């Protein structure tokens, strides 16, 4: 699995070394130049795939950190119980690594949720950009503050809820 490990490491390092805005530009502007003529891929689909791959690289690093935090004795104990590699990972190592990684995973989700506002740069709309476009509509003149307060409240509710759920999940895992 040397080739797979090398390709995975290369992908993760490349994804982590470029800003998300660059990934969005490549998906939106550059990608159509590399596909055969007549092949049309929707801009939203390209953006979703690009952001998913970008987030996957960061998630892989968070999980790797969790795996490294599992004590070596756990691997040895699993081998002593007669578990193979995949059984060991499924039943003993990964549950512990994921438990350790919960705060970092939720932090990553919150960060990427807030980073969705970057899609404005490539011409897609999110909640904040909808408020911005509504403020230019004559029917909505004078309601800019209310629109931005609403957007801030939505972002706060989602981020607070994710953080609260993370704390509850972490407390539940510590009880086990």
N, C-alpha and C. Protein backbone atom coordinates (compact mmCIF):
# COMPACT_ATOMS: atom_id res chain seq x y z
N UNK A 1 0.81 -1.19 0.00
CA UNK A 1 0.00 0.00 0.00
C UNK A 1 0.86 1.26 0.00
N UNK A 2 2.08 1.13 -0.44
CA UNK A 2 3.00 2.26 -0.47
C UNK A 2 2.51 3.32 -1.45
N UNK A 3 2.02 2.90 -2.59
CA UNK A 3 1.56 3.85 -3.61
C UNK A 3 0.33 4.62 -3.09
N UNK A 4 -0.60 3.90 -2.47
CA UNK A 4 -1.80 4.56 -1.94
C UNK A 4 -1.43 5.54 -0.84
N UNK A 5 -0.52 5.14 0.03
CA UNK A 5 -0.07 6.03 1.11
C UNK A 5 0.60 7.27 0.53
N UNK A 6 1.43 7.09 -0.47
CA UNK A 6 2.10 8.23 -1.09
C UNK A 6 1.10 9.17 -1.75
N UNK A 7 0.16 8.63 -2.53
CA UNK A 7 -0.84 9.46 -3.20
C UNK A 7 -1.73 10.19 -2.19
N UNK A 8 -2.10 9.50 -1.12
CA UNK A 8 -2.93 10.13 -0.09
C UNK A 8 -2.18 11.28 0.59
N UNK A 9 -0.94 11.02 0.94
CA UNK A 9 -0.14 12.06 1.59
C UNK A 9 0.07 13.24 0.66
N UNK A 10 0.35 12.97 -0.60
CA UNK A 10 0.54 14.05 -1.57
C UNK A 10 -0.73 14.88 -1.73
N UNK A 11 -1.87 14.22 -1.83
CA UNK A 11 -3.14 14.94 -1.97
C UNK A 11 -3.42 15.80 -0.74
N UNK A 12 -3.22 15.23 0.43
CA UNK A 12 -3.48 15.98 1.67
C UNK A 12 -2.56 17.18 1.78
N UNK A 13 -1.30 17.00 1.48
CA UNK A 13 -0.35 18.11 1.59
C UNK A 13 -0.66 19.21 0.57
N UNK A 14 -1.03 18.83 -0.64
CA UNK A 14 -1.38 19.84 -1.65
C UNK A 14 -2.64 20.58 -1.23
N UNK A 15 -3.66 19.84 -0.77
CA UNK A 15 -4.92 20.47 -0.38
C UNK A 15 -4.73 21.40 0.81
N UNK A 16 -3.88 21.03 1.75
CA UNK A 16 -3.66 21.85 2.93
C UNK A 16 -2.76 23.06 2.65
N UNK A 17 -2.05 23.03 1.55
CA UNK A 17 -1.11 24.12 1.28
C UNK A 17 -1.69 25.23 0.40
N UNK A 18 -2.92 25.07 -0.06
CA UNK A 18 -3.55 26.12 -0.87
C UNK A 18 -4.78 26.65 -0.14
N UNK A 19 -5.09 27.92 -0.30
CA UNK A 19 -6.30 28.46 0.33
C UNK A 19 -7.56 27.91 -0.33
N UNK A 20 -8.65 27.90 0.41
CA UNK A 20 -9.91 27.39 -0.12
C UNK A 20 -10.38 28.21 -1.31
N UNK A 21 -10.12 29.49 -1.31
CA UNK A 21 -10.53 30.33 -2.42
C UNK A 21 -9.87 29.89 -3.72
N UNK A 22 -8.64 29.41 -3.63
CA UNK A 22 -7.94 28.90 -4.81
C UNK A 22 -8.63 27.65 -5.33
N UNK A 23 -9.02 26.78 -4.43
CA UNK A 23 -9.72 25.56 -4.83
C UNK A 23 -11.04 25.91 -5.51
N UNK A 24 -11.74 26.91 -4.98
CA UNK A 24 -13.00 27.33 -5.60
C UNK A 24 -12.78 27.91 -7.00
N UNK A 25 -11.72 28.72 -7.16
CA UNK A 25 -11.41 29.26 -8.49
C UNK A 25 -11.07 28.15 -9.48
N UNK A 26 -10.28 27.19 -9.05
CA UNK A 26 -9.92 26.09 -9.94
C UNK A 26 -11.16 25.31 -10.35
N UNK A 27 -12.04 25.02 -9.39
CA UNK A 27 -13.26 24.27 -9.70
C UNK A 27 -14.19 25.06 -10.61
N UNK A 28 -14.26 26.36 -10.41
CA UNK A 28 -15.20 27.17 -11.15
C UNK A 28 -14.68 27.61 -12.51
N UNK A 29 -13.43 28.05 -12.56
CA UNK A 29 -12.92 28.68 -13.78
C UNK A 29 -12.01 27.75 -14.58
N UNK A 30 -11.08 27.07 -13.90
CA UNK A 30 -10.07 26.27 -14.60
C UNK A 30 -10.57 24.90 -15.04
N UNK A 31 -11.41 24.26 -14.24
CA UNK A 31 -11.84 22.89 -14.54
C UNK A 31 -12.46 22.74 -15.93
N UNK A 32 -13.32 23.68 -16.37
CA UNK A 32 -13.90 23.51 -17.71
C UNK A 32 -12.86 23.46 -18.84
N UNK A 33 -11.68 24.02 -18.63
CA UNK A 33 -10.63 23.96 -19.66
C UNK A 33 -10.02 22.57 -19.79
N UNK A 34 -10.15 21.74 -18.77
CA UNK A 34 -9.52 20.43 -18.76
C UNK A 34 -10.44 19.29 -19.15
N UNK A 35 -11.71 19.55 -19.32
CA UNK A 35 -12.64 18.50 -19.74
C UNK A 35 -12.82 18.54 -21.25
N UNK A 36 -13.17 17.42 -21.85
CA UNK A 36 -13.37 17.40 -23.30
C UNK A 36 -14.49 18.35 -23.74
N UNK A 37 -14.38 18.81 -24.95
CA UNK A 37 -15.38 19.72 -25.49
C UNK A 37 -16.74 19.02 -25.54
N UNK A 38 -17.75 19.72 -25.15
CA UNK A 38 -19.10 19.18 -25.13
C UNK A 38 -19.50 18.62 -23.77
N UNK A 39 -18.54 18.42 -22.88
CA UNK A 39 -18.84 17.94 -21.53
C UNK A 39 -19.09 19.15 -20.65
N UNK A 40 -20.25 19.18 -20.06
CA UNK A 40 -20.65 20.31 -19.22
C UNK A 40 -20.95 19.79 -17.82
N UNK A 41 -20.22 20.29 -16.83
CA UNK A 41 -20.46 19.94 -15.44
C UNK A 41 -20.95 21.19 -14.73
N UNK A 42 -22.07 21.08 -14.05
CA UNK A 42 -22.69 22.21 -13.37
C UNK A 42 -21.72 22.85 -12.37
N UNK A 43 -21.74 24.17 -12.32
CA UNK A 43 -20.83 24.90 -11.42
C UNK A 43 -21.06 24.54 -9.96
N UNK A 44 -22.30 24.36 -9.56
CA UNK A 44 -22.60 24.00 -8.18
C UNK A 44 -22.02 22.62 -7.85
N UNK A 45 -22.15 21.68 -8.75
CA UNK A 45 -21.60 20.34 -8.54
C UNK A 45 -20.07 20.39 -8.44
N UNK A 46 -19.43 21.16 -9.32
CA UNK A 46 -17.98 21.31 -9.25
C UNK A 46 -17.55 21.91 -7.92
N UNK A 47 -18.31 22.89 -7.44
CA UNK A 47 -17.99 23.53 -6.17
C UNK A 47 -18.16 22.57 -5.01
N UNK A 48 -19.25 21.81 -5.02
CA UNK A 48 -19.49 20.84 -3.95
C UNK A 48 -18.38 19.79 -3.91
N UNK A 49 -17.98 19.30 -5.05
CA UNK A 49 -16.91 18.30 -5.11
C UNK A 49 -15.59 18.90 -4.62
N UNK A 50 -15.28 20.10 -5.06
CA UNK A 50 -14.03 20.74 -4.66
C UNK A 50 -13.99 20.99 -3.16
N UNK A 51 -15.06 21.51 -2.60
CA UNK A 51 -15.10 21.77 -1.16
C UNK A 51 -15.06 20.46 -0.39
N UNK A 52 -15.73 19.43 -0.88
CA UNK A 52 -15.71 18.12 -0.22
C UNK A 52 -14.30 17.53 -0.20
N UNK A 53 -13.60 17.61 -1.31
CA UNK A 53 -12.22 17.10 -1.34
C UNK A 53 -11.32 17.91 -0.42
N UNK A 54 -11.50 19.21 -0.42
CA UNK A 54 -10.71 20.09 0.44
C UNK A 54 -10.98 19.75 1.91
N UNK A 55 -12.25 19.61 2.27
CA UNK A 55 -12.61 19.28 3.65
C UNK A 55 -12.14 17.88 4.01
N UNK A 56 -12.17 16.96 3.05
CA UNK A 56 -11.71 15.60 3.29
C UNK A 56 -10.24 15.54 3.65
N UNK A 57 -9.45 16.40 3.03
CA UNK A 57 -8.01 16.43 3.34
C UNK A 57 -7.80 16.89 4.79
N UNK A 58 -8.53 17.91 5.19
CA UNK A 58 -8.41 18.37 6.57
C UNK A 58 -8.94 17.33 7.56
N UNK A 59 -10.04 16.68 7.20
CA UNK A 59 -10.61 15.65 8.06
C UNK A 59 -9.65 14.47 8.21
N UNK A 60 -8.96 14.12 7.15
CA UNK A 60 -7.98 13.04 7.22
C UNK A 60 -6.88 13.36 8.22
N UNK A 61 -6.46 14.61 8.26
CA UNK A 61 -5.43 15.00 9.21
C UNK A 61 -5.94 14.96 10.65
N UNK A 62 -7.19 15.34 10.86
CA UNK A 62 -7.77 15.29 12.20
C UNK A 62 -7.86 13.83 12.67
N UNK A 63 -8.31 12.95 11.79
CA UNK A 63 -8.42 11.53 12.15
C UNK A 63 -7.03 10.93 12.37
N UNK A 64 -6.06 11.33 11.56
CA UNK A 64 -4.69 10.84 11.74
C UNK A 64 -4.17 11.24 13.11
N UNK A 65 -4.45 12.48 13.51
CA UNK A 65 -4.05 12.92 14.84
C UNK A 65 -4.71 12.09 15.93
N UNK A 66 -5.98 11.76 15.75
CA UNK A 66 -6.68 10.91 16.72
C UNK A 66 -6.08 9.52 16.77
N UNK A 67 -5.71 8.98 15.61
CA UNK A 67 -5.09 7.65 15.57
C UNK A 67 -3.73 7.65 16.26
N UNK A 68 -2.99 8.72 16.11
CA UNK A 68 -1.69 8.81 16.77
C UNK A 68 -1.83 8.99 18.27
N UNK A 69 -2.96 9.51 18.73
CA UNK A 69 -3.17 9.71 20.16
C UNK A 69 -3.58 8.43 20.89
N UNK A 70 -4.01 7.41 20.14
CA UNK A 70 -4.36 6.13 20.76
C UNK A 70 -3.07 5.48 21.23
N UNK A 71 -3.08 5.01 22.47
CA UNK A 71 -1.87 4.44 23.05
C UNK A 71 -1.45 3.16 22.33
N UNK A 72 -0.16 2.96 22.15
CA UNK A 72 0.33 1.75 21.46
C UNK A 72 -0.12 0.45 22.13
N UNK A 73 -0.37 0.49 23.42
CA UNK A 73 -0.83 -0.70 24.13
C UNK A 73 -2.17 -1.19 23.62
N UNK A 74 -2.98 -0.29 23.08
CA UNK A 74 -4.28 -0.69 22.54
C UNK A 74 -4.11 -1.55 21.29
N UNK A 75 -3.14 -1.21 20.47
CA UNK A 75 -2.84 -2.02 19.28
C UNK A 75 -2.36 -3.40 19.71
N UNK A 76 -1.49 -3.42 20.70
CA UNK A 76 -0.94 -4.69 21.19
C UNK A 76 -2.03 -5.53 21.84
N UNK A 77 -2.91 -4.91 22.61
CA UNK A 77 -4.00 -5.64 23.25
C UNK A 77 -4.94 -6.23 22.21
N UNK A 78 -5.19 -5.49 21.16
CA UNK A 78 -6.06 -5.98 20.09
C UNK A 78 -5.42 -7.19 19.40
N UNK A 79 -4.13 -7.11 19.15
CA UNK A 79 -3.42 -8.24 18.53
C UNK A 79 -3.42 -9.44 19.47
N UNK A 80 -3.31 -9.19 20.77
CA UNK A 80 -3.31 -10.28 21.74
C UNK A 80 -4.67 -10.98 21.81
N UNK A 81 -5.71 -10.23 21.50
CA UNK A 81 -7.06 -10.81 21.48
C UNK A 81 -7.31 -11.60 20.20
N UNK A 82 -6.36 -11.55 19.28
CA UNK A 82 -6.49 -12.30 18.03
C UNK A 82 -7.17 -11.55 16.91
N UNK A 83 -7.34 -10.25 17.07
CA UNK A 83 -7.96 -9.45 16.02
C UNK A 83 -6.97 -9.20 14.89
N UNK A 84 -7.47 -9.25 13.66
CA UNK A 84 -6.67 -8.85 12.52
C UNK A 84 -6.65 -7.33 12.43
N UNK A 85 -6.00 -6.82 11.39
CA UNK A 85 -5.87 -5.37 11.22
C UNK A 85 -7.23 -4.69 11.14
N UNK A 86 -8.12 -5.18 10.27
CA UNK A 86 -9.40 -4.52 10.05
C UNK A 86 -10.31 -4.65 11.26
N UNK A 87 -10.30 -5.81 11.92
CA UNK A 87 -11.10 -5.98 13.14
C UNK A 87 -10.59 -5.03 14.23
N UNK A 88 -9.29 -4.95 14.36
CA UNK A 88 -8.69 -4.08 15.36
C UNK A 88 -9.09 -2.63 15.11
N UNK A 89 -9.01 -2.20 13.87
CA UNK A 89 -9.38 -0.83 13.53
C UNK A 89 -10.86 -0.57 13.80
N UNK A 90 -11.70 -1.50 13.40
CA UNK A 90 -13.14 -1.29 13.50
C UNK A 90 -13.64 -1.29 14.94
N UNK A 91 -13.17 -2.22 15.74
CA UNK A 91 -13.75 -2.41 17.06
C UNK A 91 -12.98 -1.73 18.19
N UNK A 92 -11.70 -1.47 18.01
CA UNK A 92 -10.92 -0.97 19.14
C UNK A 92 -10.27 0.38 18.84
N UNK A 93 -9.54 0.49 17.76
CA UNK A 93 -8.72 1.68 17.52
C UNK A 93 -9.56 2.87 17.05
N UNK A 94 -10.35 2.70 15.99
CA UNK A 94 -11.12 3.83 15.45
C UNK A 94 -12.12 4.43 16.44
N UNK A 95 -12.85 3.61 17.22
CA UNK A 95 -13.74 4.25 18.21
C UNK A 95 -13.00 5.16 19.19
N UNK A 96 -11.82 4.74 19.59
CA UNK A 96 -11.03 5.57 20.51
C UNK A 96 -10.51 6.82 19.80
N UNK A 97 -10.04 6.65 18.58
CA UNK A 97 -9.51 7.79 17.83
C UNK A 97 -10.60 8.81 17.54
N UNK A 98 -11.78 8.34 17.19
CA UNK A 98 -12.88 9.27 16.91
C UNK A 98 -13.32 9.98 18.18
N UNK A 99 -13.32 9.27 19.30
CA UNK A 99 -13.68 9.89 20.58
C UNK A 99 -12.69 11.01 20.92
N UNK A 100 -11.43 10.76 20.67
CA UNK A 100 -10.40 11.77 20.93
C UNK A 100 -10.56 12.95 19.98
N UNK A 101 -10.99 12.69 18.76
CA UNK A 101 -11.04 13.71 17.71
C UNK A 101 -12.33 14.52 17.66
N UNK A 102 -13.30 14.22 18.51
CA UNK A 102 -14.59 14.91 18.44
C UNK A 102 -14.46 16.43 18.44
N UNK A 103 -13.72 17.03 19.37
CA UNK A 103 -13.65 18.50 19.36
C UNK A 103 -13.04 19.06 18.06
N UNK A 104 -12.01 18.42 17.56
CA UNK A 104 -11.38 18.90 16.33
C UNK A 104 -12.30 18.73 15.12
N UNK A 105 -13.05 17.64 15.08
CA UNK A 105 -13.97 17.39 13.97
C UNK A 105 -15.07 18.46 13.97
N UNK A 106 -15.65 18.72 15.12
CA UNK A 106 -16.71 19.73 15.19
C UNK A 106 -16.16 21.11 14.87
N UNK A 107 -14.96 21.41 15.33
CA UNK A 107 -14.33 22.68 14.99
C UNK A 107 -14.16 22.82 13.48
N UNK A 108 -13.79 21.74 12.84
CA UNK A 108 -13.64 21.74 11.39
C UNK A 108 -14.99 21.97 10.71
N UNK A 109 -16.04 21.30 11.18
CA UNK A 109 -17.38 21.50 10.61
C UNK A 109 -17.83 22.94 10.75
N UNK A 110 -17.62 23.53 11.91
CA UNK A 110 -18.02 24.92 12.13
C UNK A 110 -17.24 25.85 11.20
N UNK A 111 -15.95 25.61 11.07
CA UNK A 111 -15.13 26.44 10.17
C UNK A 111 -15.58 26.35 8.73
N UNK A 112 -15.85 25.14 8.27
CA UNK A 112 -16.29 25.00 6.88
C UNK A 112 -17.70 25.54 6.68
N UNK A 113 -18.55 25.44 7.69
CA UNK A 113 -19.88 26.03 7.59
C UNK A 113 -19.79 27.54 7.39
N UNK A 114 -18.90 28.18 8.14
CA UNK A 114 -18.73 29.62 7.99
C UNK A 114 -18.03 29.97 6.69
N UNK A 115 -17.17 29.08 6.19
CA UNK A 115 -16.47 29.33 4.94
C UNK A 115 -17.36 29.22 3.70
N UNK A 116 -18.60 28.78 3.88
CA UNK A 116 -19.49 28.70 2.72
C UNK A 116 -19.74 30.08 2.11
N UNK A 117 -19.48 31.14 2.86
CA UNK A 117 -19.67 32.49 2.32
C UNK A 117 -18.67 32.79 1.20
N UNK A 118 -17.61 32.01 1.10
CA UNK A 118 -16.61 32.24 0.05
C UNK A 118 -17.13 31.93 -1.35
N UNK A 119 -18.24 31.22 -1.47
CA UNK A 119 -18.75 30.89 -2.80
C UNK A 119 -19.23 32.12 -3.55
N UNK A 120 -19.40 33.25 -2.88
CA UNK A 120 -19.75 34.48 -3.56
C UNK A 120 -18.72 34.84 -4.62
N UNK A 121 -17.46 34.56 -4.32
CA UNK A 121 -16.38 34.94 -5.22
C UNK A 121 -16.52 34.27 -6.59
N UNK A 122 -17.10 33.08 -6.63
CA UNK A 122 -17.26 32.38 -7.91
C UNK A 122 -18.67 32.51 -8.48
N UNK A 123 -19.48 33.36 -7.86
CA UNK A 123 -20.79 33.66 -8.43
C UNK A 123 -21.94 32.81 -7.91
N UNK A 124 -21.75 32.08 -6.83
CA UNK A 124 -22.84 31.33 -6.22
C UNK A 124 -23.34 32.09 -5.00
N UNK A 125 -24.59 31.85 -4.64
CA UNK A 125 -25.18 32.58 -3.52
C UNK A 125 -25.32 31.67 -2.30
N UNK A 126 -25.05 32.25 -1.14
CA UNK A 126 -25.34 31.62 0.13
C UNK A 126 -26.21 32.59 0.92
N UNK A 127 -26.44 32.30 2.18
CA UNK A 127 -27.34 33.13 2.99
C UNK A 127 -26.88 34.58 3.07
N UNK A 128 -25.62 34.79 3.35
CA UNK A 128 -25.11 36.15 3.49
C UNK A 128 -25.20 36.92 2.17
N UNK A 129 -24.95 36.25 1.07
CA UNK A 129 -25.03 36.90 -0.23
C UNK A 129 -26.48 37.17 -0.65
N UNK A 130 -27.40 36.35 -0.16
CA UNK A 130 -28.81 36.63 -0.41
C UNK A 130 -29.24 37.92 0.30
N UNK A 131 -28.75 38.11 1.50
CA UNK A 131 -29.05 39.35 2.23
C UNK A 131 -28.46 40.54 1.48
N UNK A 132 -27.24 40.38 0.99
CA UNK A 132 -26.58 41.46 0.25
C UNK A 132 -27.37 41.82 -1.00
N UNK A 133 -27.85 40.81 -1.74
CA UNK A 133 -28.61 41.10 -2.95
C UNK A 133 -29.99 41.67 -2.61
N UNK A 134 -30.57 41.26 -1.48
CA UNK A 134 -31.87 41.80 -1.08
C UNK A 134 -31.77 43.28 -0.72
N UNK A 135 -30.64 43.70 -0.21
CA UNK A 135 -30.50 45.11 0.18
C UNK A 135 -30.47 46.03 -1.02
N UNK A 136 -30.19 45.50 -2.20
CA UNK A 136 -30.19 46.33 -3.40
C UNK A 136 -31.58 46.39 -4.05
N UNK A 137 -32.51 45.59 -3.58
CA UNK A 137 -33.88 45.59 -4.08
C UNK A 137 -34.63 46.78 -3.46
N UNK A 138 -35.30 47.59 -4.30
CA UNK A 138 -36.01 48.78 -3.76
C UNK A 138 -37.03 48.45 -2.69
N UNK A 139 -37.62 47.24 -2.72
CA UNK A 139 -38.61 46.86 -1.72
C UNK A 139 -37.98 46.66 -0.34
N UNK A 140 -36.69 46.39 -0.32
CA UNK A 140 -36.00 46.08 0.94
C UNK A 140 -35.08 47.20 1.41
N UNK A 141 -35.16 48.37 0.78
CA UNK A 141 -34.31 49.48 1.20
C UNK A 141 -34.60 49.85 2.65
N UNK A 142 -33.57 50.10 3.40
CA UNK A 142 -33.72 50.45 4.80
C UNK A 142 -33.74 49.27 5.75
N UNK A 143 -33.68 48.04 5.22
CA UNK A 143 -33.72 46.85 6.08
C UNK A 143 -32.40 46.08 6.07
N UNK A 144 -31.29 46.79 5.77
CA UNK A 144 -29.99 46.12 5.70
C UNK A 144 -29.59 45.53 7.05
N UNK A 145 -29.77 46.32 8.10
CA UNK A 145 -29.36 45.87 9.44
C UNK A 145 -30.14 44.62 9.84
N UNK A 146 -31.44 44.62 9.60
CA UNK A 146 -32.26 43.47 9.97
C UNK A 146 -31.82 42.22 9.21
N UNK A 147 -31.50 42.39 7.94
CA UNK A 147 -31.05 41.25 7.14
C UNK A 147 -29.75 40.67 7.66
N UNK A 148 -28.79 41.55 7.99
CA UNK A 148 -27.51 41.07 8.50
C UNK A 148 -27.65 40.50 9.91
N UNK A 149 -28.52 41.07 10.72
CA UNK A 149 -28.75 40.50 12.05
C UNK A 149 -29.38 39.11 11.92
N UNK A 150 -30.31 38.96 10.99
CA UNK A 150 -30.91 37.64 10.76
C UNK A 150 -29.85 36.64 10.31
N UNK A 151 -29.00 37.03 9.37
CA UNK A 151 -27.94 36.12 8.91
C UNK A 151 -27.00 35.77 10.05
N UNK A 152 -26.64 36.75 10.87
CA UNK A 152 -25.76 36.49 12.01
C UNK A 152 -26.44 35.54 12.99
N UNK A 153 -27.74 35.72 13.21
CA UNK A 153 -28.47 34.84 14.12
C UNK A 153 -28.51 33.41 13.60
N UNK A 154 -28.71 33.25 12.29
CA UNK A 154 -28.73 31.91 11.71
C UNK A 154 -27.36 31.24 11.86
N UNK A 155 -26.29 31.96 11.52
CA UNK A 155 -24.96 31.39 11.67
C UNK A 155 -24.67 31.06 13.14
N UNK A 156 -25.05 31.97 14.06
CA UNK A 156 -24.83 31.72 15.48
C UNK A 156 -25.59 30.48 15.94
N UNK A 157 -26.85 30.36 15.56
CA UNK A 157 -27.66 29.21 15.99
C UNK A 157 -27.05 27.91 15.50
N UNK A 158 -26.66 27.86 14.24
CA UNK A 158 -26.07 26.64 13.70
C UNK A 158 -24.74 26.32 14.39
N UNK A 159 -23.87 27.31 14.52
CA UNK A 159 -22.55 27.06 15.12
C UNK A 159 -22.68 26.73 16.61
N UNK A 160 -23.56 27.44 17.32
CA UNK A 160 -23.76 27.14 18.74
C UNK A 160 -24.34 25.74 18.91
N UNK A 161 -25.27 25.38 18.04
CA UNK A 161 -25.86 24.04 18.13
C UNK A 161 -24.83 22.95 17.88
N UNK A 162 -23.96 23.15 16.89
CA UNK A 162 -22.91 22.16 16.64
C UNK A 162 -21.97 22.06 17.83
N UNK A 163 -21.60 23.18 18.41
CA UNK A 163 -20.71 23.17 19.57
C UNK A 163 -21.37 22.50 20.77
N UNK A 164 -22.65 22.80 20.99
CA UNK A 164 -23.38 22.21 22.11
C UNK A 164 -23.51 20.70 21.92
N UNK A 165 -23.83 20.28 20.71
CA UNK A 165 -23.94 18.85 20.42
C UNK A 165 -22.59 18.16 20.64
N UNK A 166 -21.52 18.83 20.26
CA UNK A 166 -20.18 18.28 20.45
C UNK A 166 -19.88 18.06 21.93
N UNK A 167 -20.22 19.05 22.75
CA UNK A 167 -19.97 18.92 24.19
C UNK A 167 -20.80 17.78 24.79
N UNK A 168 -22.06 17.66 24.37
CA UNK A 168 -22.90 16.57 24.87
C UNK A 168 -22.36 15.21 24.43
N UNK A 169 -21.96 15.11 23.18
CA UNK A 169 -21.41 13.86 22.66
C UNK A 169 -20.12 13.50 23.38
N UNK A 170 -19.29 14.48 23.63
CA UNK A 170 -18.02 14.25 24.32
C UNK A 170 -18.29 13.80 25.77
N UNK A 171 -19.24 14.43 26.43
CA UNK A 171 -19.58 14.03 27.81
C UNK A 171 -20.15 12.62 27.84
N UNK A 172 -20.97 12.30 26.85
CA UNK A 172 -21.55 10.95 26.77
C UNK A 172 -20.45 9.90 26.55
N UNK A 173 -19.46 10.23 25.72
CA UNK A 173 -18.37 9.29 25.45
C UNK A 173 -17.48 9.10 26.67
N UNK A 174 -17.32 10.14 27.49
CA UNK A 174 -16.48 10.03 28.69
C UNK A 174 -17.13 9.15 29.74
N UNK A 175 -18.47 9.06 29.72
CA UNK A 175 -19.18 8.22 30.68
C UNK A 175 -18.97 6.74 30.41
N UNK A 176 -18.64 6.40 29.19
CA UNK A 176 -18.47 4.98 28.83
C UNK A 176 -17.23 4.41 29.41
